[in-house]
Amino acid sequence: MPKVATINYGFGIARLWGDFTAETVERVFYEHANQCFGIRKSISCCTVTSIKDDEFPKVFGVKPDRIAVVLMHSGDTIVWGRSGKKIKSEFD
């Protein structure tokens, strides 16, 4: 089952879904958040406030079995597939 992490990135709160652990969540967050124009310039820290098991959210009609990572922040939602490529965001 995927996990969801709540992350304070300094200028807001993000939620990150994916297959990560407490040891790897920060790496996964930076790897994906740095691909997003809306958040990458606003990251001043990565403070994980919670991690728990959770299903991927239903977004953009993308089937959960195609999703590897979902990042939600400041009203934006970005979805990456199992290949590591971005599948969908509000701007696609």
PDB file of N, CA and C in Angstrom:
ATOM      1  N   MET A   1       0.846  -1.178   0.000  1.00  0.00           N
ATOM      2  CA  MET A   1       0.000   0.000   0.000  1.00  0.00           C
ATOM      3  C   MET A   1       0.891   1.241   0.000  1.00  0.00           C
ATOM      4  N   PRO A   2       0.504   2.237  -0.801  1.00  0.00           N
ATOM      5  CA  PRO A   2       1.280   3.483  -0.801  1.00  0.00           C
ATOM      6  C   PRO A   2       1.198   4.184   0.555  1.00  0.00           C
ATOM      7  N   LYS A   3       2.090   5.123   0.722  1.00  0.00           N
ATOM      8  CA  LYS A   3       2.087   5.956   1.921  1.00  0.00           C
ATOM      9  C   LYS A   3       1.777   7.386   1.508  1.00  0.00           C
ATOM     10  N   VAL A   4       1.318   8.179   2.472  1.00  0.00           N
ATOM     11  CA  VAL A   4       1.160   9.614   2.273  1.00  0.00           C
ATOM     12  C   VAL A   4       1.962  10.308   3.365  1.00  0.00           C
ATOM     13  N   ALA A   5       2.720  11.303   2.950  1.00  0.00           N
ATOM     14  CA  ALA A   5       3.499  12.095   3.894  1.00  0.00           C
ATOM     15  C   ALA A   5       3.003  13.531   3.847  1.00  0.00           C
ATOM     16  N   THR A   6       2.927  14.150   4.995  1.00  0.00           N
ATOM     17  CA  THR A   6       2.641  15.574   5.078  1.00  0.00           C
ATOM     18  C   THR A   6       3.974  16.259   5.343  1.00  0.00           C
ATOM     19  N   ILE A   7       4.293  17.243   4.491  1.00  0.00           N
ATOM     20  CA  ILE A   7       5.618  17.866   4.520  1.00  0.00           C
ATOM     21  C   ILE A   7       5.482  19.383   4.585  1.00  0.00           C
ATOM     22  N   ASN A   8       6.136  19.977   5.565  1.00  0.00           N
ATOM     23  CA  ASN A   8       6.265  21.429   5.628  1.00  0.00           C
ATOM     24  C   ASN A   8       7.508  21.768   4.820  1.00  0.00           C
ATOM     25  N   TYR A   9       7.332  22.527   3.719  1.00  0.00           N
ATOM     26  CA  TYR A   9       8.484  22.859   2.882  1.00  0.00           C
ATOM     27  C   TYR A   9       8.934  24.314   3.065  1.00  0.00           C
ATOM     28  N   GLY A  10       8.491  24.940   4.132  1.00  0.00           N
ATOM     29  CA  GLY A  10       8.949  26.280   4.476  1.00  0.00           C
ATOM     30  C   GLY A  10       7.959  27.369   4.126  1.00  0.00           C
ATOM     31  N   PHE A  11       7.365  27.282   2.944  1.00  0.00           N
ATOM     32  CA  PHE A  11       6.399  28.288   2.513  1.00  0.00           C
ATOM     33  C   PHE A  11       5.029  27.679   2.284  1.00  0.00           C
ATOM     34  N   GLY A  12       4.832  26.483   2.811  1.00  0.00           N
ATOM     35  CA  GLY A  12       3.547  25.814   2.674  1.00  0.00           C
ATOM     36  C   GLY A  12       3.641  24.370   3.114  1.00  0.00           C
ATOM     37  N   ILE A  13       2.526  23.674   2.950  1.00  0.00           N
ATOM     38  CA  ILE A  13       2.426  22.265   3.316  1.00  0.00           C
ATOM     39  C   ILE A  13       2.118  21.474   2.049  1.00  0.00           C
ATOM     40  N   ALA A  14       2.832  20.377   1.863  1.00  0.00           N
ATOM     41  CA  ALA A  14       2.601  19.494   0.721  1.00  0.00           C
ATOM     42  C   ALA A  14       2.189  18.123   1.232  1.00  0.00           C
ATOM     43  N   ARG A  15       1.464  17.406   0.388  1.00  0.00           N
ATOM     44  CA  ARG A  15       1.152  16.003   0.665  1.00  0.00           C
ATOM     45  C   ARG A  15       1.753  15.194  -0.480  1.00  0.00           C
ATOM     46  N   LEU A  16       2.440  14.133  -0.130  1.00  0.00           N
ATOM     47  CA  LEU A  16       3.159  13.302  -1.086  1.00  0.00           C
ATOM     48  C   LEU A  16       2.733  11.863  -0.898  1.00  0.00           C
ATOM     49  N   TRP A  17       2.229  11.228  -1.971  1.00  0.00           N
ATOM     50  CA  TRP A  17       1.876   9.814  -1.954  1.00  0.00           C
ATOM     51  C   TRP A  17       2.899   9.055  -2.772  1.00  0.00           C
ATOM     52  N   GLY A  18       3.247   7.861  -2.325  1.00  0.00           N
ATOM     53  CA  GLY A  18       4.166   7.019  -3.084  1.00  0.00           C
ATOM     54  C   GLY A  18       4.674   5.869  -2.250  1.00  0.00           C
ATOM     55  N   ASP A  19       5.613   5.160  -2.840  1.00  0.00           N
ATOM     56  CA  ASP A  19       6.243   4.019  -2.183  1.00  0.00           C
ATOM     57  C   ASP A  19       7.568   4.504  -1.602  1.00  0.00           C
ATOM     58  N   PHE A  20       7.544   4.947  -0.357  1.00  0.00           N
ATOM     59  CA  PHE A  20       8.742   5.437   0.307  1.00  0.00           C
ATOM     60  C   PHE A  20       8.699   5.028   1.768  1.00  0.00           C
ATOM     61  N   THR A  21       9.795   5.243   2.433  1.00  0.00           N
ATOM     62  CA  THR A  21       9.913   4.966   3.868  1.00  0.00           C
ATOM     63  C   THR A  21      10.272   6.278   4.567  1.00  0.00           C
ATOM     64  N   ALA A  22      10.338   6.242   5.871  1.00  0.00           N
ATOM     65  CA  ALA A  22      10.758   7.417   6.629  1.00  0.00           C
ATOM     66  C   ALA A  22      12.175   7.842   6.229  1.00  0.00           C
ATOM     67  N   GLU A  23      12.981   6.878   5.809  1.00  0.00           N
ATOM     68  CA  GLU A  23      14.359   7.169   5.412  1.00  0.00           C
ATOM     69  C   GLU A  23      14.457   7.723   3.999  1.00  0.00           C
ATOM     70  N   THR A  24      13.493   7.435   3.126  1.00  0.00           N
ATOM     71  CA  THR A  24      13.589   7.848   1.722  1.00  0.00           C
ATOM     72  C   THR A  24      12.610   8.954   1.328  1.00  0.00           C
ATOM     73  N   VAL A  25      11.686   9.328   2.200  1.00  0.00           N
ATOM     74  CA  VAL A  25      10.647  10.295   1.837  1.00  0.00           C
ATOM     75  C   VAL A  25      11.237  11.643   1.426  1.00  0.00           C
ATOM     76  N   GLU A  26      12.253  12.113   2.096  1.00  0.00           N
ATOM     77  CA  GLU A  26      12.840  13.408   1.754  1.00  0.00           C
ATOM     78  C   GLU A  26      13.430  13.381   0.340  1.00  0.00           C
ATOM     79  N   ARG A  27      14.128  12.319  -0.001  1.00  0.00           N
ATOM     80  CA  ARG A  27      14.702  12.182  -1.344  1.00  0.00           C
ATOM     81  C   ARG A  27      13.601  12.175  -2.400  1.00  0.00           C
ATOM     82  N   VAL A  28      12.532  11.413  -2.154  1.00  0.00           N
ATOM     83  CA  VAL A  28      11.413  11.332  -3.098  1.00  0.00           C
ATOM     84  C   VAL A  28      10.747  12.704  -3.233  1.00  0.00           C
ATOM     85  N   PHE A  29      10.571  13.406  -2.137  1.00  0.00           N
ATOM     86  CA  PHE A  29       9.976  14.736  -2.187  1.00  0.00           C
ATOM     87  C   PHE A  29      10.818  15.677  -3.047  1.00  0.00           C
ATOM     88  N   TYR A  30      12.108  15.790  -2.763  1.00  0.00           N
ATOM     89  CA  TYR A  30      12.957  16.711  -3.530  1.00  0.00           C
ATOM     90  C   TYR A  30      13.022  16.315  -5.002  1.00  0.00           C
ATOM     91  N   GLU A  31      13.128  15.033  -5.275  1.00  0.00           N
ATOM     92  CA  GLU A  31      13.207  14.554  -6.660  1.00  0.00           C
ATOM     93  C   GLU A  31      11.988  15.004  -7.472  1.00  0.00           C
ATOM     94  N   HIS A  32      10.815  14.923  -6.883  1.00  0.00           N
ATOM     95  CA  HIS A  32       9.592  15.263  -7.603  1.00  0.00           C
ATOM     96  C   HIS A  32       9.250  16.754  -7.495  1.00  0.00           C
ATOM     97  N   ALA A  33       9.396  17.337  -6.341  1.00  0.00           N
ATOM     98  CA  ALA A  33       9.058  18.756  -6.165  1.00  0.00           C
ATOM     99  C   ALA A  33       9.953  19.647  -7.022  1.00  0.00           C
ATOM    100  N   ASN A  34      11.183  19.259  -7.233  1.00  0.00           N
ATOM    101  CA  ASN A  34      12.085  20.071  -8.048  1.00  0.00           C
ATOM    102  C   ASN A  34      11.720  20.056  -9.528  1.00  0.00           C
ATOM    103  N   GLN A  35      10.785  19.198  -9.928  1.00  0.00           N
ATOM    104  CA  GLN A  35      10.286  19.184 -11.309  1.00  0.00           C
ATOM    105  C   GLN A  35       9.094  20.121 -11.489  1.00  0.00           C
ATOM    106  N   CYS A  36       8.614  20.705 -10.404  1.00  0.00           N
ATOM    107  CA  CYS A  36       7.378  21.492 -10.425  1.00  0.00           C
ATOM    108  C   CYS A  36       7.675  22.980 -10.259  1.00  0.00           C
ATOM    109  N   PHE A  37       7.345  23.741 -11.277  1.00  0.00           N
ATOM    110  CA  PHE A  37       7.578  25.181 -11.246  1.00  0.00           C
ATOM    111  C   PHE A  37       6.909  25.834 -10.039  1.00  0.00           C
ATOM    112  N   GLY A  38       5.712  25.375  -9.668  1.00  0.00           N
ATOM    113  CA  GLY A  38       4.943  26.005  -8.609  1.00  0.00           C
ATOM    114  C   GLY A  38       5.477  25.809  -7.212  1.00  0.00           C
ATOM    115  N   ILE A  39       6.408  24.889  -7.010  1.00  0.00           N
ATOM    116  CA  ILE A  39       6.902  24.636  -5.650  1.00  0.00           C
ATOM    117  C   ILE A  39       8.425  24.739  -5.549  1.00  0.00           C
ATOM    118  N   ARG A  40       9.150  24.430  -6.597  1.00  0.00           N
ATOM    119  CA  ARG A  40      10.611  24.293  -6.462  1.00  0.00           C
ATOM    120  C   ARG A  40      11.310  25.538  -5.954  1.00  0.00           C
ATOM    121  N   LYS A  41      10.829  26.716  -6.303  1.00  0.00           N
ATOM    122  CA  LYS A  41      11.463  27.957  -5.838  1.00  0.00           C
ATOM    123  C   LYS A  41      11.025  28.327  -4.416  1.00  0.00           C
ATOM    124  N   SER A  42      10.031  27.611  -3.893  1.00  0.00           N
ATOM    125  CA  SER A  42       9.502  27.919  -2.563  1.00  0.00           C
ATOM    126  C   SER A  42      10.004  26.973  -1.474  1.00  0.00           C
ATOM    127  N   ILE A  43      10.836  26.016  -1.819  1.00  0.00           N
ATOM    128  CA  ILE A  43      11.304  25.037  -0.837  1.00  0.00           C
ATOM    129  C   ILE A  43      12.467  25.619  -0.046  1.00  0.00           C
ATOM    130  N   SER A  44      12.264  25.752   1.252  1.00  0.00           N
ATOM    131  CA  SER A  44      13.357  26.201   2.112  1.00  0.00           C
ATOM    132  C   SER A  44      13.753  25.123   3.116  1.00  0.00           C
ATOM    133  N   CYS A  45      12.923  24.078   3.225  1.00  0.00           N
ATOM    134  CA  CYS A  45      13.215  22.973   4.122  1.00  0.00           C
ATOM    135  C   CYS A  45      12.327  21.794   3.743  1.00  0.00           C
ATOM    136  N   CYS A  46      12.517  20.705   4.395  1.00  0.00           N
ATOM    137  CA  CYS A  46      11.665  19.522   4.208  1.00  0.00           C
ATOM    138  C   CYS A  46      11.478  18.894   5.575  1.00  0.00           C
ATOM    139  N   THR A  47      10.419  19.300   6.252  1.00  0.00           N
ATOM    140  CA  THR A  47      10.111  18.772   7.568  1.00  0.00           C
ATOM    141  C   THR A  47       8.904  17.857   7.447  1.00  0.00           C
ATOM    142  N   VAL A  48       9.133  16.572   7.586  1.00  0.00           N
ATOM    143  CA  VAL A  48       8.062  15.586   7.480  1.00  0.00           C
ATOM    144  C   VAL A  48       7.322  15.560   8.813  1.00  0.00           C
ATOM    145  N   THR A  49       6.031  15.888   8.770  1.00  0.00           N
ATOM    146  CA  THR A  49       5.255  15.940  10.008  1.00  0.00           C
ATOM    147  C   THR A  49       4.449  14.669  10.241  1.00  0.00           C
ATOM    148  N   SER A  50       4.196  13.895   9.178  1.00  0.00           N
ATOM    149  CA  SER A  50       3.515  12.607   9.364  1.00  0.00           C
ATOM    150  C   SER A  50       3.711  11.735   8.131  1.00  0.00           C
ATOM    151  N   ILE A  51       3.686  10.439   8.368  1.00  0.00           N
ATOM    152  CA  ILE A  51       3.692   9.431   7.300  1.00  0.00           C
ATOM    153  C   ILE A  51       2.726   8.340   7.735  1.00  0.00           C
ATOM    154  N   LYS A  52       1.834   7.941   6.817  1.00  0.00           N
ATOM    155  CA  LYS A  52       0.923   6.847   7.128  1.00  0.00           C
ATOM    156  C   LYS A  52       0.530   6.141   5.839  1.00  0.00           C
ATOM    157  N   ASP A  53       0.022   4.927   5.972  1.00  0.00           N
ATOM    158  CA  ASP A  53      -0.490   4.186   4.828  1.00  0.00           C
ATOM    159  C   ASP A  53      -1.725   4.885   4.303  1.00  0.00           C
ATOM    160  N   ASP A  54      -1.855   4.950   2.973  1.00  0.00           N
ATOM    161  CA  ASP A  54      -3.027   5.569   2.366  1.00  0.00           C
ATOM    162  C   ASP A  54      -3.091   5.170   0.900  1.00  0.00           C
ATOM    163  N   GLU A  55      -4.287   5.114   0.360  1.00  0.00           N
ATOM    164  CA  GLU A  55      -4.489   4.867  -1.067  1.00  0.00           C
ATOM    165  C   GLU A  55      -4.121   6.125  -1.844  1.00  0.00           C
ATOM    166  N   PHE A  56      -3.752   5.956  -3.120  1.00  0.00           N
ATOM    167  CA  PHE A  56      -3.555   7.119  -3.965  1.00  0.00           C
ATOM    168  C   PHE A  56      -4.883   7.852  -4.110  1.00  0.00           C
ATOM    169  N   PRO A  57      -4.852   9.177  -4.145  1.00  0.00           N
ATOM    170  CA  PRO A  57      -6.100   9.919  -4.339  1.00  0.00           C
ATOM    171  C   PRO A  57      -6.609   9.725  -5.770  1.00  0.00           C
ATOM    172  N   LYS A  58      -7.883   9.905  -5.962  1.00  0.00           N
ATOM    173  CA  LYS A  58      -8.474   9.840  -7.288  1.00  0.00           C
ATOM    174  C   LYS A  58      -8.271  11.199  -7.945  1.00  0.00           C
ATOM    175  N   VAL A  59      -7.381  11.248  -8.928  1.00  0.00           N
ATOM    176  CA  VAL A  59      -7.068  12.507  -9.595  1.00  0.00           C
ATOM    177  C   VAL A  59      -7.008  12.334 -11.102  1.00  0.00           C
ATOM    178  N   PHE A  60      -7.592  13.279 -11.809  1.00  0.00           N
ATOM    179  CA  PHE A  60      -7.518  13.368 -13.267  1.00  0.00           C
ATOM    180  C   PHE A  60      -8.001  12.122 -13.997  1.00  0.00           C
ATOM    181  N   GLY A  61      -8.691  11.217 -13.323  1.00  0.00           N
ATOM    182  CA  GLY A  61      -9.151   9.996 -13.961  1.00  0.00           C
ATOM    183  C   GLY A  61      -8.051   8.985 -14.226  1.00  0.00           C
ATOM    184  N   VAL A  62      -6.877   9.181 -13.629  1.00  0.00           N
ATOM    185  CA  VAL A  62      -5.757   8.251 -13.807  1.00  0.00           C
ATOM    186  C   VAL A  62      -5.990   7.036 -12.919  1.00  0.00           C
ATOM    187  N   LYS A  63      -5.889   5.848 -13.504  1.00  0.00           N
ATOM    188  CA  LYS A  63      -6.090   4.618 -12.730  1.00  0.00           C
ATOM    189  C   LYS A  63      -4.962   4.457 -11.713  1.00  0.00           C
ATOM    190  N   PRO A  64      -5.305   4.098 -10.483  1.00  0.00           N
ATOM    191  CA  PRO A  64      -4.293   3.971  -9.420  1.00  0.00           C
ATOM    192  C   PRO A  64      -3.137   3.036  -9.767  1.00  0.00           C
ATOM    193  N   ASP A  65      -3.375   2.014 -10.577  1.00  0.00           N
ATOM    194  CA  ASP A  65      -2.286   1.085 -10.910  1.00  0.00           C
ATOM    195  C   ASP A  65      -1.252   1.709 -11.850  1.00  0.00           C
ATOM    196  N   ARG A  66      -1.543   2.867 -12.415  1.00  0.00           N
ATOM    197  CA  ARG A  66      -0.581   3.588 -13.267  1.00  0.00           C
ATOM    198  C   ARG A  66       0.240   4.599 -12.482  1.00  0.00           C
ATOM    199  N   ILE A  67      -0.180   4.896 -11.252  1.00  0.00           N
ATOM    200  CA  ILE A  67       0.434   5.969 -10.467  1.00  0.00           C
ATOM    201  C   ILE A  67       1.604   5.452  -9.628  1.00  0.00           C
ATOM    202  N   ALA A  68       2.693   6.246  -9.613  1.00  0.00           N
ATOM    203  CA  ALA A  68       3.821   5.965  -8.729  1.00  0.00           C
ATOM    204  C   ALA A  68       3.935   7.021  -7.638  1.00  0.00           C
ATOM    205  N   VAL A  69       3.692   8.292  -7.997  1.00  0.00           N
ATOM    206  CA  VAL A  69       3.829   9.391  -7.039  1.00  0.00           C
ATOM    207  C   VAL A  69       2.759  10.444  -7.344  1.00  0.00           C
ATOM    208  N   VAL A  70       2.176  10.994  -6.285  1.00  0.00           N
ATOM    209  CA  VAL A  70       1.276  12.150  -6.387  1.00  0.00           C
ATOM    210  C   VAL A  70       1.794  13.198  -5.421  1.00  0.00           C
ATOM    211  N   LEU A  71       1.882  14.433  -5.902  1.00  0.00           N
ATOM    212  CA  LEU A  71       2.296  15.558  -5.065  1.00  0.00           C
ATOM    213  C   LEU A  71       1.205  16.619  -5.132  1.00  0.00           C
ATOM    214  N   MET A  72       0.702  17.014  -3.971  1.00  0.00           N
ATOM    215  CA  MET A  72      -0.283  18.095  -3.881  1.00  0.00           C
ATOM    216  C   MET A  72       0.296  19.196  -3.013  1.00  0.00           C
ATOM    217  N   HIS A  73       0.206  20.433  -3.526  1.00  0.00           N
ATOM    218  CA  HIS A  73       0.693  21.583  -2.764  1.00  0.00           C
ATOM    219  C   HIS A  73       0.015  22.836  -3.285  1.00  0.00           C
ATOM    220  N   SER A  74      -0.356  23.725  -2.430  1.00  0.00           N
ATOM    221  CA  SER A  74      -0.912  25.034  -2.791  1.00  0.00           C
ATOM    222  C   SER A  74      -1.984  24.958  -3.874  1.00  0.00           C
ATOM    223  N   GLY A  75      -2.809  23.929  -3.838  1.00  0.00           N
ATOM    224  CA  GLY A  75      -3.869  23.786  -4.820  1.00  0.00           C
ATOM    225  C   GLY A  75      -3.461  23.085  -6.102  1.00  0.00           C
ATOM    226  N   ASP A  76      -2.189  22.783  -6.287  1.00  0.00           N
ATOM    227  CA  ASP A  76      -1.696  22.073  -7.468  1.00  0.00           C
ATOM    228  C   ASP A  76      -1.593  20.581  -7.183  1.00  0.00           C
ATOM    229  N   THR A  77      -1.827  19.778  -8.214  1.00  0.00           N
ATOM    230  CA  THR A  77      -1.697  18.328  -8.106  1.00  0.00           C
ATOM    231  C   THR A  77      -0.903  17.834  -9.305  1.00  0.00           C
ATOM    232  N   ILE A  78       0.132  17.025  -9.053  1.00  0.00           N
ATOM    233  CA  ILE A  78       0.969  16.470 -10.107  1.00  0.00           C
ATOM    234  C   ILE A  78       1.054  14.964  -9.891  1.00  0.00           C
ATOM    235  N   VAL A  79       0.956  14.208 -11.004  1.00  0.00           N
ATOM    236  CA  VAL A  79       0.961  12.743 -10.946  1.00  0.00           C
ATOM    237  C   VAL A  79       2.100  12.211 -11.820  1.00  0.00           C
ATOM    238  N   TRP A  80       2.898  11.287 -11.270  1.00  0.00           N
ATOM    239  CA  TRP A  80       3.950  10.608 -12.015  1.00  0.00           C
ATOM    240  C   TRP A  80       3.600   9.133 -12.147  1.00  0.00           C
ATOM    241  N   GLY A  81       3.979   8.557 -13.291  1.00  0.00           N
ATOM    242  CA  GLY A  81       3.722   7.149 -13.540  1.00  0.00           C
ATOM    243  C   GLY A  81       4.861   6.267 -13.101  1.00  0.00           C
ATOM    244  N   ARG A  82       4.665   4.982 -13.266  1.00  0.00           N
ATOM    245  CA  ARG A  82       5.658   3.989 -12.855  1.00  0.00           C
ATOM    246  C   ARG A  82       6.972   4.128 -13.625  1.00  0.00           C
ATOM    247  N   SER A  83       6.927   4.723 -14.816  1.00  0.00           N
ATOM    248  CA  SER A  83       8.147   4.921 -15.608  1.00  0.00           C
ATOM    249  C   SER A  83       8.989   6.077 -15.073  1.00  0.00           C
ATOM    250  N   GLY A  84       8.424   6.847 -14.136  1.00  0.00           N
ATOM    251  CA  GLY A  84       9.127   8.005 -13.599  1.00  0.00           C
ATOM    252  C   GLY A  84       8.783   9.296 -14.315  1.00  0.00           C
ATOM    253  N   LYS A  85       7.992   9.204 -15.369  1.00  0.00           N
ATOM    254  CA  LYS A  85       7.606  10.395 -16.126  1.00  0.00           C
ATOM    255  C   LYS A  85       6.295  10.963 -15.606  1.00  0.00           C
ATOM    256  N   LYS A  86       6.190  12.274 -15.712  1.00  0.00           N
ATOM    257  CA  LYS A  86       4.969  12.944 -15.281  1.00  0.00           C
ATOM    258  C   LYS A  86       3.825  12.528 -16.203  1.00  0.00           C
ATOM    259  N   ILE A  87       2.703  12.144 -15.582  1.00  0.00           N
ATOM    260  CA  ILE A  87       1.516  11.767 -16.349  1.00  0.00           C
ATOM    261  C   ILE A  87       0.619  12.974 -16.555  1.00  0.00           C
ATOM    262  N   LYS A  88       0.398  13.724 -15.485  1.00  0.00           N
ATOM    263  CA  LYS A  88      -0.624  14.759 -15.557  1.00  0.00           C
ATOM    264  C   LYS A  88      -0.419  15.802 -14.458  1.00  0.00           C
ATOM    265  N   SER A  89      -0.782  17.038 -14.802  1.00  0.00           N
ATOM    266  CA  SER A  89      -0.880  18.115 -13.819  1.00  0.00           C
ATOM    267  C   SER A  89      -2.003  19.026 -14.293  1.00  0.00           C
ATOM    268  N   GLU A  90      -2.272  20.069 -13.543  1.00  0.00           N
ATOM    269  CA  GLU A  90      -3.319  21.000 -13.943  1.00  0.00           C
ATOM    270  C   GLU A  90      -3.023  21.669 -15.279  1.00  0.00           C
ATOM    271  N   PHE A  91      -1.756  21.729 -15.655  1.00  0.00           N
ATOM    272  CA  PHE A  91      -1.342  22.461 -16.843  1.00  0.00           C
ATOM    273  C   PHE A  91      -1.257  21.605 -18.092  1.00  0.00           C
ATOM    274  N   ASP A  92      -1.501  20.305 -17.960  1.00  0.00           N
ATOM    275  CA  ASP A  92      -1.429  19.397 -19.124  1.00  0.00           C
ATOM    276  C   ASP A  92      -2.767  19.301 -19.809  1.00  0.00           C
TER     277      ASP A  92
END
